[in-house]
């Protein structure tokens, strides 16, 4: 694991590199893409929750009573529709009690600007650990818009989890939201003329949902 700049963590791990290779491969079908993304989501989620606080509880084992731990705050997962849903299942396998919110933000293909169209957010955001999910951090427009909406309703403890990032997207989020932690599997070279990450993996939503 290496932190390239303040607030950014790149999860440099052999298993992450293997799963990223599967996701990048154009020959990987929908079923393989889903399975690999679920496994990668679990690895990223472990790192994203590393800083979460716990409180002690007493636990009775078959032999003695000892001290255990529970999370100090609720965890809210916020997938940015629709591609962010691809990271959800793997994380819920590890924390099935997490609250799930939804933000719909489409990217205008001509301007690359974010266009919000849906929001369903819980009342517990101000007290919760909030993790925003989007497989691709390209221009950073959708991520910045999502973080702005969440802050507007009181979210304070925010982490962004993404599979692939690029320098432009990371810089955009860090400039607009310097308090937000970014957890990513890799930082790719940059964007092409259509604002897609290169080398990237194509359209994560299309590949995950088979459309």
N, C-alpha and C. Protein backbone atom coordinates (compact mmCIF):
# COMPACT_ATOMS: atom_id res chain seq x y z
N UNK A 1 0.84 -1.19 0.00
CA UNK A 1 0.00 0.00 0.00
C UNK A 1 0.88 1.24 0.00
N UNK A 2 0.56 2.21 -0.86
CA UNK A 2 1.34 3.42 -0.90
C UNK A 2 0.44 4.63 -1.01
N UNK A 3 0.78 5.70 -0.35
CA UNK A 3 0.04 6.94 -0.46
C UNK A 3 0.84 7.90 -1.32
N UNK A 4 0.32 8.24 -2.51
CA UNK A 4 1.08 9.06 -3.44
C UNK A 4 1.03 10.53 -3.08
N UNK A 5 -0.07 10.97 -2.51
CA UNK A 5 -0.19 12.34 -2.06
C UNK A 5 -1.19 12.37 -0.93
N UNK A 6 -1.21 13.46 -0.21
CA UNK A 6 -2.06 13.56 0.97
C UNK A 6 -3.51 13.27 0.62
N UNK A 7 -4.12 12.36 1.37
CA UNK A 7 -5.53 12.03 1.16
C UNK A 7 -5.78 10.96 0.13
N UNK A 8 -4.75 10.54 -0.61
CA UNK A 8 -4.89 9.51 -1.63
C UNK A 8 -4.15 8.25 -1.21
N UNK A 9 -4.86 7.12 -1.23
CA UNK A 9 -4.24 5.83 -0.96
C UNK A 9 -4.43 4.92 -2.16
N UNK A 10 -3.31 4.46 -2.71
CA UNK A 10 -3.34 3.49 -3.80
C UNK A 10 -3.05 2.12 -3.19
N UNK A 11 -3.99 1.21 -3.33
CA UNK A 11 -3.86 -0.10 -2.71
C UNK A 11 -2.98 -0.99 -3.58
N UNK A 12 -1.69 -0.89 -3.37
CA UNK A 12 -0.71 -1.64 -4.15
C UNK A 12 -0.55 -3.02 -3.53
N UNK A 13 -1.29 -3.99 -4.05
CA UNK A 13 -1.33 -5.33 -3.49
C UNK A 13 -1.40 -6.33 -4.64
N UNK A 14 -0.72 -7.48 -4.53
CA UNK A 14 -0.75 -8.45 -5.62
C UNK A 14 -2.15 -8.86 -6.05
N UNK A 15 -3.07 -9.07 -5.10
CA UNK A 15 -4.42 -9.49 -5.46
C UNK A 15 -5.17 -8.38 -6.19
N UNK A 16 -4.90 -7.14 -5.81
CA UNK A 16 -5.51 -6.01 -6.52
C UNK A 16 -5.03 -5.97 -7.96
N UNK A 17 -3.73 -6.17 -8.16
CA UNK A 17 -3.18 -6.14 -9.51
C UNK A 17 -3.76 -7.27 -10.37
N UNK A 18 -3.97 -8.44 -9.78
CA UNK A 18 -4.54 -9.56 -10.51
C UNK A 18 -5.97 -9.25 -10.94
N UNK A 19 -6.79 -8.76 -10.00
CA UNK A 19 -8.19 -8.46 -10.33
C UNK A 19 -8.29 -7.32 -11.34
N UNK A 20 -7.43 -6.34 -11.23
CA UNK A 20 -7.44 -5.26 -12.21
C UNK A 20 -7.13 -5.78 -13.61
N UNK A 21 -6.24 -6.74 -13.70
CA UNK A 21 -5.90 -7.31 -15.01
C UNK A 21 -7.10 -8.02 -15.62
N UNK A 22 -7.87 -8.71 -14.80
CA UNK A 22 -9.08 -9.38 -15.29
C UNK A 22 -10.08 -8.34 -15.78
N UNK A 23 -10.27 -7.27 -15.02
CA UNK A 23 -11.22 -6.23 -15.40
C UNK A 23 -10.82 -5.51 -16.68
N UNK A 24 -9.53 -5.29 -16.85
CA UNK A 24 -9.06 -4.59 -18.05
C UNK A 24 -9.23 -5.42 -19.32
N UNK A 25 -9.12 -6.72 -19.21
CA UNK A 25 -9.08 -7.62 -20.37
C UNK A 25 -10.39 -7.55 -21.15
N UNK A 26 -10.31 -7.17 -22.42
CA UNK A 26 -11.50 -7.04 -23.25
C UNK A 26 -12.21 -8.37 -23.44
N UNK A 27 -11.50 -9.48 -23.25
CA UNK A 27 -12.12 -10.80 -23.43
C UNK A 27 -12.88 -11.26 -22.19
N UNK A 28 -12.78 -10.55 -21.07
CA UNK A 28 -13.52 -10.92 -19.86
C UNK A 28 -15.00 -10.66 -20.07
N UNK A 29 -15.82 -11.70 -19.91
CA UNK A 29 -17.26 -11.56 -20.09
C UNK A 29 -17.93 -10.95 -18.87
N UNK A 30 -19.25 -10.79 -18.95
CA UNK A 30 -20.01 -10.14 -17.88
C UNK A 30 -19.87 -10.88 -16.56
N UNK A 31 -19.98 -12.23 -16.60
CA UNK A 31 -19.91 -12.98 -15.35
C UNK A 31 -18.55 -12.85 -14.70
N UNK A 32 -17.49 -12.93 -15.50
CA UNK A 32 -16.14 -12.78 -14.96
C UNK A 32 -15.89 -11.37 -14.47
N UNK A 33 -16.42 -10.39 -15.18
CA UNK A 33 -16.24 -8.99 -14.77
C UNK A 33 -16.92 -8.76 -13.42
N UNK A 34 -18.13 -9.27 -13.27
CA UNK A 34 -18.86 -9.10 -12.00
C UNK A 34 -18.11 -9.75 -10.84
N UNK A 35 -17.68 -10.98 -11.04
CA UNK A 35 -16.99 -11.70 -9.98
C UNK A 35 -15.71 -10.99 -9.56
N UNK A 36 -14.95 -10.54 -10.55
CA UNK A 36 -13.69 -9.87 -10.25
C UNK A 36 -13.92 -8.54 -9.56
N UNK A 37 -14.94 -7.79 -10.00
CA UNK A 37 -15.23 -6.51 -9.36
C UNK A 37 -15.70 -6.70 -7.93
N UNK A 38 -16.46 -7.74 -7.67
CA UNK A 38 -16.89 -8.03 -6.30
C UNK A 38 -15.70 -8.31 -5.39
N UNK A 39 -14.76 -9.10 -5.88
CA UNK A 39 -13.57 -9.41 -5.08
C UNK A 39 -12.73 -8.15 -4.84
N UNK A 40 -12.59 -7.34 -5.86
CA UNK A 40 -11.82 -6.11 -5.72
C UNK A 40 -12.51 -5.15 -4.76
N UNK A 41 -13.84 -5.10 -4.79
CA UNK A 41 -14.58 -4.25 -3.87
C UNK A 41 -14.29 -4.62 -2.42
N UNK A 42 -14.19 -5.92 -2.14
CA UNK A 42 -13.88 -6.35 -0.78
C UNK A 42 -12.50 -5.87 -0.35
N UNK A 43 -11.53 -5.99 -1.24
CA UNK A 43 -10.18 -5.56 -0.90
C UNK A 43 -10.13 -4.05 -0.65
N UNK A 44 -10.78 -3.28 -1.49
CA UNK A 44 -10.80 -1.83 -1.32
C UNK A 44 -11.56 -1.42 -0.07
N UNK A 45 -12.63 -2.16 0.24
CA UNK A 45 -13.44 -1.85 1.42
C UNK A 45 -12.65 -2.07 2.70
N UNK A 46 -11.83 -3.09 2.73
CA UNK A 46 -10.99 -3.33 3.91
C UNK A 46 -10.08 -2.13 4.17
N UNK A 47 -9.52 -1.57 3.11
CA UNK A 47 -8.64 -0.41 3.28
C UNK A 47 -9.44 0.84 3.61
N UNK A 48 -10.61 1.01 3.00
CA UNK A 48 -11.42 2.21 3.23
C UNK A 48 -11.91 2.30 4.67
N UNK A 49 -12.08 1.16 5.32
CA UNK A 49 -12.60 1.15 6.70
C UNK A 49 -11.50 1.08 7.75
N UNK A 50 -10.25 1.09 7.32
CA UNK A 50 -9.14 0.92 8.25
C UNK A 50 -9.14 1.97 9.37
N UNK A 51 -9.55 3.20 9.04
CA UNK A 51 -9.48 4.30 10.02
C UNK A 51 -10.75 4.40 10.87
N UNK A 52 -11.75 3.53 10.67
CA UNK A 52 -13.00 3.64 11.40
C UNK A 52 -12.78 3.36 12.89
N UNK A 53 -13.45 4.12 13.72
CA UNK A 53 -13.33 3.95 15.17
C UNK A 53 -14.24 2.82 15.65
N UNK A 54 -13.80 2.15 16.71
CA UNK A 54 -14.62 1.13 17.37
C UNK A 54 -14.78 1.47 18.84
N UNK A 55 -15.76 0.85 19.45
CA UNK A 55 -15.96 0.98 20.89
C UNK A 55 -15.96 -0.42 21.50
N UNK A 56 -15.47 -0.55 22.73
CA UNK A 56 -15.38 -1.88 23.35
C UNK A 56 -16.74 -2.41 23.80
N UNK A 57 -16.89 -3.71 23.69
CA UNK A 57 -18.07 -4.41 24.23
C UNK A 57 -17.59 -5.67 24.93
N UNK A 58 -18.38 -6.13 25.87
CA UNK A 58 -18.04 -7.37 26.55
C UNK A 58 -18.64 -8.54 25.78
N UNK A 59 -17.83 -9.58 25.57
CA UNK A 59 -18.24 -10.75 24.82
C UNK A 59 -17.95 -11.99 25.66
N UNK A 60 -18.92 -12.86 25.73
CA UNK A 60 -18.73 -14.11 26.47
C UNK A 60 -18.40 -15.22 25.50
N UNK A 61 -17.18 -15.76 25.58
CA UNK A 61 -16.78 -16.89 24.76
C UNK A 61 -17.23 -18.18 25.45
N UNK A 62 -17.07 -19.35 24.83
CA UNK A 62 -17.40 -20.59 25.52
C UNK A 62 -16.57 -20.81 26.79
N UNK A 63 -15.48 -20.04 26.96
CA UNK A 63 -14.60 -20.27 28.10
C UNK A 63 -14.64 -19.13 29.12
N UNK A 64 -14.54 -17.89 28.64
CA UNK A 64 -14.46 -16.74 29.56
C UNK A 64 -15.16 -15.54 28.93
N UNK A 65 -15.26 -14.49 29.71
CA UNK A 65 -15.73 -13.20 29.19
C UNK A 65 -14.52 -12.37 28.80
N UNK A 66 -14.61 -11.69 27.63
CA UNK A 66 -13.48 -10.90 27.15
C UNK A 66 -14.00 -9.61 26.52
N UNK A 67 -13.08 -8.80 26.05
CA UNK A 67 -13.45 -7.53 25.42
C UNK A 67 -13.43 -7.66 23.91
N UNK A 68 -14.52 -7.27 23.28
CA UNK A 68 -14.61 -7.24 21.83
C UNK A 68 -14.78 -5.81 21.34
N UNK A 69 -15.25 -5.65 20.13
CA UNK A 69 -15.39 -4.32 19.56
C UNK A 69 -16.56 -4.27 18.59
N UNK A 70 -17.19 -3.10 18.52
CA UNK A 70 -18.21 -2.82 17.50
C UNK A 70 -17.87 -1.46 16.90
N UNK A 71 -18.32 -1.23 15.68
CA UNK A 71 -18.08 0.05 15.05
C UNK A 71 -18.76 1.17 15.83
N UNK A 72 -18.08 2.28 15.94
CA UNK A 72 -18.61 3.40 16.73
C UNK A 72 -19.74 4.12 16.01
N UNK A 73 -19.77 4.05 14.69
CA UNK A 73 -20.77 4.79 13.91
C UNK A 73 -21.38 3.89 12.83
N UNK A 74 -22.57 4.28 12.40
CA UNK A 74 -23.16 3.61 11.24
C UNK A 74 -22.29 3.85 10.02
N UNK A 75 -22.37 2.92 9.08
CA UNK A 75 -21.67 3.05 7.81
C UNK A 75 -22.72 3.18 6.71
N UNK A 76 -22.58 4.23 5.89
CA UNK A 76 -23.48 4.45 4.77
C UNK A 76 -22.70 4.29 3.48
N UNK A 77 -23.14 3.38 2.63
CA UNK A 77 -22.54 3.18 1.31
C UNK A 77 -23.37 3.95 0.29
N UNK A 78 -22.70 4.76 -0.53
CA UNK A 78 -23.40 5.60 -1.49
C UNK A 78 -22.89 5.32 -2.90
N UNK A 79 -23.46 4.34 -3.60
CA UNK A 79 -23.06 4.12 -4.98
C UNK A 79 -23.59 5.24 -5.88
N UNK A 80 -22.73 5.73 -6.76
CA UNK A 80 -23.18 6.67 -7.78
C UNK A 80 -23.73 5.84 -8.93
N UNK A 81 -25.04 5.99 -9.19
CA UNK A 81 -25.68 5.19 -10.22
C UNK A 81 -25.14 5.54 -11.60
N UNK A 82 -24.99 4.49 -12.42
CA UNK A 82 -25.33 3.11 -12.08
C UNK A 82 -24.11 2.27 -11.78
N UNK A 83 -22.94 2.70 -12.30
CA UNK A 83 -21.73 1.88 -12.20
C UNK A 83 -21.33 1.62 -10.76
N UNK A 84 -21.62 2.55 -9.86
CA UNK A 84 -21.26 2.37 -8.46
C UNK A 84 -21.91 1.16 -7.81
N UNK A 85 -23.04 0.71 -8.38
CA UNK A 85 -23.70 -0.48 -7.85
C UNK A 85 -22.82 -1.71 -7.97
N UNK A 86 -21.88 -1.68 -8.92
CA UNK A 86 -20.99 -2.83 -9.10
C UNK A 86 -20.06 -3.06 -7.94
N UNK A 87 -19.84 -2.06 -7.10
CA UNK A 87 -18.99 -2.21 -5.92
C UNK A 87 -19.78 -2.58 -4.67
N UNK A 88 -21.09 -2.54 -4.78
CA UNK A 88 -21.92 -2.65 -3.57
C UNK A 88 -21.95 -4.06 -2.99
N UNK A 89 -22.17 -5.07 -3.83
CA UNK A 89 -22.38 -6.43 -3.31
C UNK A 89 -21.17 -6.93 -2.53
N UNK A 90 -19.98 -6.71 -3.05
CA UNK A 90 -18.79 -7.18 -2.35
C UNK A 90 -18.63 -6.53 -0.99
N UNK A 91 -18.99 -5.26 -0.88
CA UNK A 91 -18.87 -4.57 0.40
C UNK A 91 -19.96 -5.02 1.38
N UNK A 92 -21.17 -5.26 0.87
CA UNK A 92 -22.24 -5.72 1.76
C UNK A 92 -21.98 -7.13 2.27
N UNK A 93 -21.21 -7.92 1.53
CA UNK A 93 -20.82 -9.24 2.04
C UNK A 93 -20.01 -9.10 3.32
N UNK A 94 -19.18 -8.06 3.40
CA UNK A 94 -18.35 -7.84 4.58
C UNK A 94 -19.08 -7.08 5.67
N UNK A 95 -20.03 -6.22 5.31
CA UNK A 95 -20.75 -5.43 6.30
C UNK A 95 -22.23 -5.39 5.91
N UNK A 96 -22.95 -6.49 6.13
CA UNK A 96 -24.35 -6.58 5.69
C UNK A 96 -25.27 -5.59 6.37
N UNK A 97 -24.85 -5.02 7.51
CA UNK A 97 -25.68 -4.06 8.22
C UNK A 97 -25.53 -2.63 7.75
N UNK A 98 -24.72 -2.40 6.73
CA UNK A 98 -24.51 -1.04 6.24
C UNK A 98 -25.79 -0.47 5.64
N UNK A 99 -25.96 0.83 5.81
CA UNK A 99 -27.07 1.55 5.18
C UNK A 99 -26.66 1.85 3.73
N UNK A 100 -27.60 1.73 2.79
CA UNK A 100 -27.30 2.00 1.39
C UNK A 100 -28.12 3.20 0.92
N UNK A 101 -27.41 4.25 0.49
CA UNK A 101 -28.04 5.41 -0.13
C UNK A 101 -27.79 5.34 -1.63
N UNK A 102 -28.46 6.21 -2.38
CA UNK A 102 -28.27 6.20 -3.83
C UNK A 102 -28.20 7.63 -4.36
N UNK A 103 -27.26 7.86 -5.27
CA UNK A 103 -27.17 9.13 -5.99
C UNK A 103 -27.11 8.83 -7.48
N UNK A 104 -28.00 9.45 -8.23
CA UNK A 104 -27.99 9.31 -9.68
C UNK A 104 -27.35 10.53 -10.31
N UNK A 105 -26.20 10.32 -10.95
CA UNK A 105 -25.50 11.41 -11.62
C UNK A 105 -25.01 10.89 -12.96
N UNK A 106 -25.55 11.44 -14.03
CA UNK A 106 -25.15 11.03 -15.38
C UNK A 106 -24.09 11.98 -15.90
N UNK A 107 -23.21 11.46 -16.75
CA UNK A 107 -22.21 12.29 -17.40
C UNK A 107 -22.68 12.67 -18.79
N UNK A 108 -22.78 13.96 -19.04
CA UNK A 108 -23.11 14.42 -20.38
C UNK A 108 -21.96 14.06 -21.31
N UNK A 109 -22.23 13.23 -22.31
CA UNK A 109 -21.16 12.72 -23.16
C UNK A 109 -20.54 13.80 -24.05
N UNK A 110 -21.26 14.91 -24.25
CA UNK A 110 -20.71 15.98 -25.07
C UNK A 110 -19.85 16.94 -24.27
N UNK A 111 -20.32 17.27 -23.05
CA UNK A 111 -19.60 18.25 -22.23
C UNK A 111 -18.78 17.62 -21.13
N UNK A 112 -19.04 16.33 -20.82
CA UNK A 112 -18.41 15.59 -19.72
C UNK A 112 -18.79 16.18 -18.36
N UNK A 113 -19.83 17.02 -18.32
CA UNK A 113 -20.28 17.62 -17.06
C UNK A 113 -21.28 16.70 -16.37
N UNK A 114 -21.32 16.69 -15.02
CA UNK A 114 -22.26 15.84 -14.30
C UNK A 114 -23.68 16.41 -14.34
N UNK A 115 -24.66 15.51 -14.46
CA UNK A 115 -26.06 15.91 -14.48
C UNK A 115 -26.82 15.09 -13.44
N UNK A 116 -27.06 15.64 -12.24
CA UNK A 116 -27.78 14.91 -11.19
C UNK A 116 -29.23 14.64 -11.61
N UNK A 117 -29.74 13.44 -11.30
CA UNK A 117 -31.11 13.14 -11.65
C UNK A 117 -31.86 12.38 -10.55
N UNK A 118 -31.15 11.94 -9.48
CA UNK A 118 -31.84 11.17 -8.43
C UNK A 118 -31.03 11.22 -7.16
N UNK A 119 -31.73 11.27 -6.01
CA UNK A 119 -31.06 11.20 -4.71
C UNK A 119 -32.00 10.59 -3.70
N UNK A 120 -31.54 9.56 -3.02
CA UNK A 120 -32.27 8.95 -1.90
C UNK A 120 -31.28 8.78 -0.76
N UNK A 121 -31.32 9.68 0.21
CA UNK A 121 -30.30 9.75 1.25
C UNK A 121 -30.91 9.59 2.63
N UNK A 122 -30.25 8.85 3.53
CA UNK A 122 -30.79 8.62 4.86
C UNK A 122 -30.53 9.81 5.78
N UNK A 123 -31.30 9.87 6.86
CA UNK A 123 -31.17 10.97 7.82
C UNK A 123 -29.93 10.86 8.69
N UNK A 124 -29.29 9.68 8.71
CA UNK A 124 -28.16 9.45 9.61
C UNK A 124 -26.83 9.93 9.07
N UNK A 125 -26.80 10.56 7.90
CA UNK A 125 -25.53 10.95 7.29
C UNK A 125 -24.63 11.80 8.18
N UNK A 126 -25.14 12.78 8.93
CA UNK A 126 -24.25 13.62 9.73
C UNK A 126 -23.45 12.85 10.78
N UNK A 127 -23.98 11.74 11.27
CA UNK A 127 -23.30 10.97 12.32
C UNK A 127 -22.56 9.76 11.78
N UNK A 128 -22.68 9.47 10.49
CA UNK A 128 -22.19 8.21 9.94
C UNK A 128 -20.83 8.35 9.26
N UNK A 129 -20.19 7.20 9.05
CA UNK A 129 -19.07 7.08 8.14
C UNK A 129 -19.66 6.84 6.75
N UNK A 130 -19.34 7.71 5.81
CA UNK A 130 -19.97 7.68 4.50
C UNK A 130 -18.93 7.32 3.44
N UNK A 131 -19.23 6.27 2.67
CA UNK A 131 -18.31 5.82 1.62
C UNK A 131 -19.00 5.95 0.27
N UNK A 132 -18.43 6.77 -0.60
CA UNK A 132 -18.97 7.00 -1.94
C UNK A 132 -18.31 6.01 -2.90
N UNK A 133 -19.12 5.36 -3.73
CA UNK A 133 -18.63 4.29 -4.59
C UNK A 133 -18.79 4.65 -6.06
N UNK A 134 -17.70 4.57 -6.80
CA UNK A 134 -17.73 4.74 -8.25
C UNK A 134 -16.48 4.07 -8.81
N UNK A 135 -16.64 3.08 -9.70
CA UNK A 135 -15.46 2.36 -10.19
C UNK A 135 -14.43 3.24 -10.88
N UNK A 136 -14.88 4.34 -11.52
CA UNK A 136 -13.97 5.16 -12.32
C UNK A 136 -13.94 6.60 -11.81
N UNK A 137 -12.75 7.10 -11.54
CA UNK A 137 -12.58 8.51 -11.20
C UNK A 137 -11.85 9.15 -12.37
N UNK A 138 -12.63 9.66 -13.34
CA UNK A 138 -12.06 10.18 -14.59
C UNK A 138 -11.85 11.69 -14.49
N UNK A 139 -12.83 12.47 -14.93
CA UNK A 139 -12.68 13.93 -14.81
C UNK A 139 -12.88 14.39 -13.38
N UNK A 140 -13.57 13.57 -12.58
CA UNK A 140 -13.87 13.96 -11.20
C UNK A 140 -15.17 14.71 -11.06
N UNK A 141 -15.86 14.98 -12.17
CA UNK A 141 -17.09 15.76 -12.12
C UNK A 141 -18.18 15.10 -11.31
N UNK A 142 -18.46 13.83 -11.58
CA UNK A 142 -19.52 13.13 -10.84
C UNK A 142 -19.16 12.97 -9.37
N UNK A 143 -17.91 12.66 -9.09
CA UNK A 143 -17.47 12.50 -7.70
C UNK A 143 -17.62 13.81 -6.93
N UNK A 144 -17.19 14.91 -7.53
CA UNK A 144 -17.30 16.21 -6.85
C UNK A 144 -18.75 16.59 -6.62
N UNK A 145 -19.60 16.31 -7.60
CA UNK A 145 -21.03 16.61 -7.44
C UNK A 145 -21.64 15.77 -6.33
N UNK A 146 -21.30 14.49 -6.29
CA UNK A 146 -21.82 13.61 -5.24
C UNK A 146 -21.38 14.08 -3.86
N UNK A 147 -20.12 14.40 -3.71
CA UNK A 147 -19.60 14.85 -2.43
C UNK A 147 -20.25 16.17 -2.01
N UNK A 148 -20.49 17.05 -2.98
CA UNK A 148 -21.16 18.32 -2.67
C UNK A 148 -22.57 18.07 -2.15
N UNK A 149 -23.31 17.17 -2.79
CA UNK A 149 -24.67 16.87 -2.35
C UNK A 149 -24.68 16.26 -0.96
N UNK A 150 -23.74 15.37 -0.70
CA UNK A 150 -23.70 14.71 0.62
C UNK A 150 -23.34 15.71 1.72
N UNK A 151 -22.40 16.59 1.45
CA UNK A 151 -22.04 17.61 2.44
C UNK A 151 -23.21 18.56 2.69
N UNK A 152 -24.00 18.83 1.68
CA UNK A 152 -25.12 19.75 1.81
C UNK A 152 -26.18 19.25 2.79
N UNK A 153 -26.24 17.92 2.98
CA UNK A 153 -27.20 17.36 3.93
C UNK A 153 -26.51 16.87 5.20
N UNK A 154 -25.26 17.32 5.42
CA UNK A 154 -24.63 17.12 6.72
C UNK A 154 -23.55 16.06 6.83
N UNK A 155 -23.25 15.35 5.76
CA UNK A 155 -22.20 14.33 5.85
C UNK A 155 -20.84 14.98 6.14
N UNK A 156 -20.11 14.41 7.09
CA UNK A 156 -18.82 14.98 7.50
C UNK A 156 -17.66 14.00 7.32
N UNK A 157 -17.90 12.73 7.52
CA UNK A 157 -16.84 11.72 7.45
C UNK A 157 -16.98 10.99 6.12
N UNK A 158 -16.25 11.47 5.13
CA UNK A 158 -16.44 11.00 3.76
C UNK A 158 -15.18 10.32 3.22
N UNK A 159 -15.39 9.18 2.57
CA UNK A 159 -14.33 8.46 1.88
C UNK A 159 -14.81 8.12 0.48
N UNK A 160 -13.94 8.27 -0.50
CA UNK A 160 -14.27 7.92 -1.88
C UNK A 160 -13.53 6.64 -2.24
N UNK A 161 -14.26 5.63 -2.74
CA UNK A 161 -13.63 4.38 -3.17
C UNK A 161 -13.84 4.22 -4.67
N UNK A 162 -12.75 4.00 -5.37
CA UNK A 162 -12.79 3.85 -6.81
C UNK A 162 -11.78 2.79 -7.25
N UNK A 163 -12.07 2.10 -8.32
CA UNK A 163 -11.18 1.06 -8.82
C UNK A 163 -10.04 1.66 -9.62
N UNK A 164 -10.40 2.51 -10.59
CA UNK A 164 -9.42 3.17 -11.44
C UNK A 164 -9.53 4.68 -11.28
N UNK A 165 -8.39 5.34 -11.16
CA UNK A 165 -8.35 6.79 -11.11
C UNK A 165 -7.37 7.30 -12.15
N UNK A 166 -7.39 8.60 -12.38
CA UNK A 166 -6.38 9.24 -13.21
C UNK A 166 -5.98 10.55 -12.54
N UNK A 167 -4.84 11.11 -12.89
CA UNK A 167 -4.37 12.32 -12.21
C UNK A 167 -5.37 13.47 -12.26
N UNK A 168 -6.08 13.63 -13.38
CA UNK A 168 -7.02 14.74 -13.50
C UNK A 168 -8.17 14.60 -12.50
N UNK A 169 -8.72 13.39 -12.38
CA UNK A 169 -9.82 13.17 -11.46
C UNK A 169 -9.42 13.33 -10.01
N UNK A 170 -8.25 12.77 -9.68
CA UNK A 170 -7.75 12.89 -8.30
C UNK A 170 -7.55 14.37 -7.95
N UNK A 171 -6.95 15.13 -8.86
CA UNK A 171 -6.69 16.54 -8.60
C UNK A 171 -7.99 17.32 -8.43
N UNK A 172 -9.00 16.99 -9.23
CA UNK A 172 -10.28 17.69 -9.14
C UNK A 172 -10.94 17.47 -7.78
N UNK A 173 -10.94 16.22 -7.32
CA UNK A 173 -11.55 15.92 -6.02
C UNK A 173 -10.76 16.55 -4.89
N UNK A 174 -9.45 16.47 -4.96
CA UNK A 174 -8.63 17.02 -3.88
C UNK A 174 -8.72 18.54 -3.81
N UNK A 175 -8.92 19.18 -4.95
CA UNK A 175 -9.06 20.63 -4.94
C UNK A 175 -10.41 21.04 -4.37
N UNK A 176 -11.48 20.36 -4.78
CA UNK A 176 -12.82 20.73 -4.34
C UNK A 176 -13.15 20.20 -2.94
N UNK A 177 -12.57 19.04 -2.59
CA UNK A 177 -12.90 18.39 -1.31
C UNK A 177 -11.63 17.84 -0.68
N UNK A 178 -10.75 18.70 -0.20
CA UNK A 178 -9.47 18.24 0.34
C UNK A 178 -9.59 17.39 1.60
N UNK A 179 -10.75 17.41 2.24
CA UNK A 179 -10.96 16.64 3.46
C UNK A 179 -11.37 15.20 3.19
N UNK A 180 -11.63 14.84 1.95
CA UNK A 180 -12.14 13.51 1.61
C UNK A 180 -11.00 12.57 1.28
N UNK A 181 -10.99 11.40 1.90
CA UNK A 181 -10.00 10.37 1.60
C UNK A 181 -10.38 9.68 0.29
N UNK A 182 -9.40 9.38 -0.54
CA UNK A 182 -9.61 8.64 -1.78
C UNK A 182 -8.86 7.32 -1.69
N UNK A 183 -9.59 6.22 -1.86
CA UNK A 183 -9.00 4.88 -1.90
C UNK A 183 -9.17 4.35 -3.31
N UNK A 184 -8.08 3.96 -3.96
CA UNK A 184 -8.16 3.49 -5.34
C UNK A 184 -7.24 2.30 -5.57
N UNK A 185 -7.56 1.53 -6.62
CA UNK A 185 -6.72 0.39 -6.95
C UNK A 185 -5.50 0.78 -7.76
N UNK A 186 -5.63 1.83 -8.56
CA UNK A 186 -4.52 2.25 -9.41
C UNK A 186 -4.81 3.66 -9.93
N UNK A 187 -3.75 4.42 -10.21
CA UNK A 187 -3.87 5.70 -10.90
C UNK A 187 -3.31 5.50 -12.31
N UNK A 188 -4.20 5.54 -13.30
CA UNK A 188 -3.79 5.33 -14.69
C UNK A 188 -3.16 6.58 -15.29
N UNK A 189 -2.77 6.47 -16.55
CA UNK A 189 -1.99 7.53 -17.20
C UNK A 189 -2.75 8.84 -17.34
N UNK A 190 -4.02 8.78 -17.74
CA UNK A 190 -4.76 10.01 -17.96
C UNK A 190 -6.03 9.77 -18.74
N UNK A 191 -6.51 10.82 -19.42
CA UNK A 191 -7.76 10.76 -20.17
C UNK A 191 -7.49 10.90 -21.66
N UNK A 192 -8.35 10.25 -22.47
CA UNK A 192 -8.26 10.45 -23.92
C UNK A 192 -9.15 11.62 -24.32
N UNK A 193 -9.31 11.81 -25.62
CA UNK A 193 -10.07 12.97 -26.11
C UNK A 193 -11.55 12.90 -25.76
N UNK A 194 -12.05 11.72 -25.40
CA UNK A 194 -13.45 11.57 -24.99
C UNK A 194 -13.59 11.52 -23.47
N UNK A 195 -12.52 11.83 -22.76
CA UNK A 195 -12.50 11.85 -21.31
C UNK A 195 -12.72 10.47 -20.69
N UNK A 196 -12.24 9.44 -21.37
CA UNK A 196 -12.20 8.09 -20.79
C UNK A 196 -10.78 7.81 -20.28
N UNK A 197 -10.70 7.07 -19.18
CA UNK A 197 -9.41 6.75 -18.58
C UNK A 197 -8.64 5.80 -19.50
N UNK A 198 -7.35 6.08 -19.67
CA UNK A 198 -6.45 5.26 -20.47
C UNK A 198 -5.29 4.79 -19.58
N UNK A 199 -4.94 3.48 -19.58
CA UNK A 199 -5.52 2.43 -20.43
C UNK A 199 -6.92 1.98 -20.01
N UNK A 200 -7.29 2.17 -18.75
CA UNK A 200 -8.66 1.96 -18.32
C UNK A 200 -9.17 0.55 -18.48
N UNK A 201 -10.51 0.44 -18.53
CA UNK A 201 -11.16 -0.86 -18.72
C UNK A 201 -12.45 -0.74 -19.51
N UNK A 202 -12.63 0.39 -20.18
CA UNK A 202 -13.88 0.61 -20.91
C UNK A 202 -14.93 1.22 -20.01
N UNK A 203 -16.20 1.00 -20.33
CA UNK A 203 -17.32 1.51 -19.54
C UNK A 203 -17.68 0.48 -18.48
N UNK A 204 -17.39 0.79 -17.22
CA UNK A 204 -17.59 -0.17 -16.14
C UNK A 204 -19.06 -0.57 -15.99
N UNK A 205 -19.98 0.39 -16.15
CA UNK A 205 -21.39 0.08 -16.04
C UNK A 205 -21.86 -0.87 -17.12
N UNK A 206 -21.47 -0.59 -18.36
CA UNK A 206 -21.86 -1.46 -19.46
C UNK A 206 -21.31 -2.87 -19.27
N UNK A 207 -20.08 -2.97 -18.85
CA UNK A 207 -19.46 -4.30 -18.71
C UNK A 207 -20.04 -5.07 -17.52
N UNK A 208 -20.37 -4.36 -16.44
CA UNK A 208 -20.93 -5.03 -15.26
C UNK A 208 -22.36 -5.50 -15.51
N UNK A 209 -23.15 -4.66 -16.19
CA UNK A 209 -24.57 -4.98 -16.39
C UNK A 209 -24.84 -5.66 -17.73
N UNK A 210 -23.80 -5.80 -18.55
CA UNK A 210 -23.98 -6.53 -19.80
C UNK A 210 -24.77 -5.78 -20.85
N UNK A 211 -24.68 -4.45 -20.80
CA UNK A 211 -25.47 -3.64 -21.75
C UNK A 211 -24.57 -3.04 -22.82
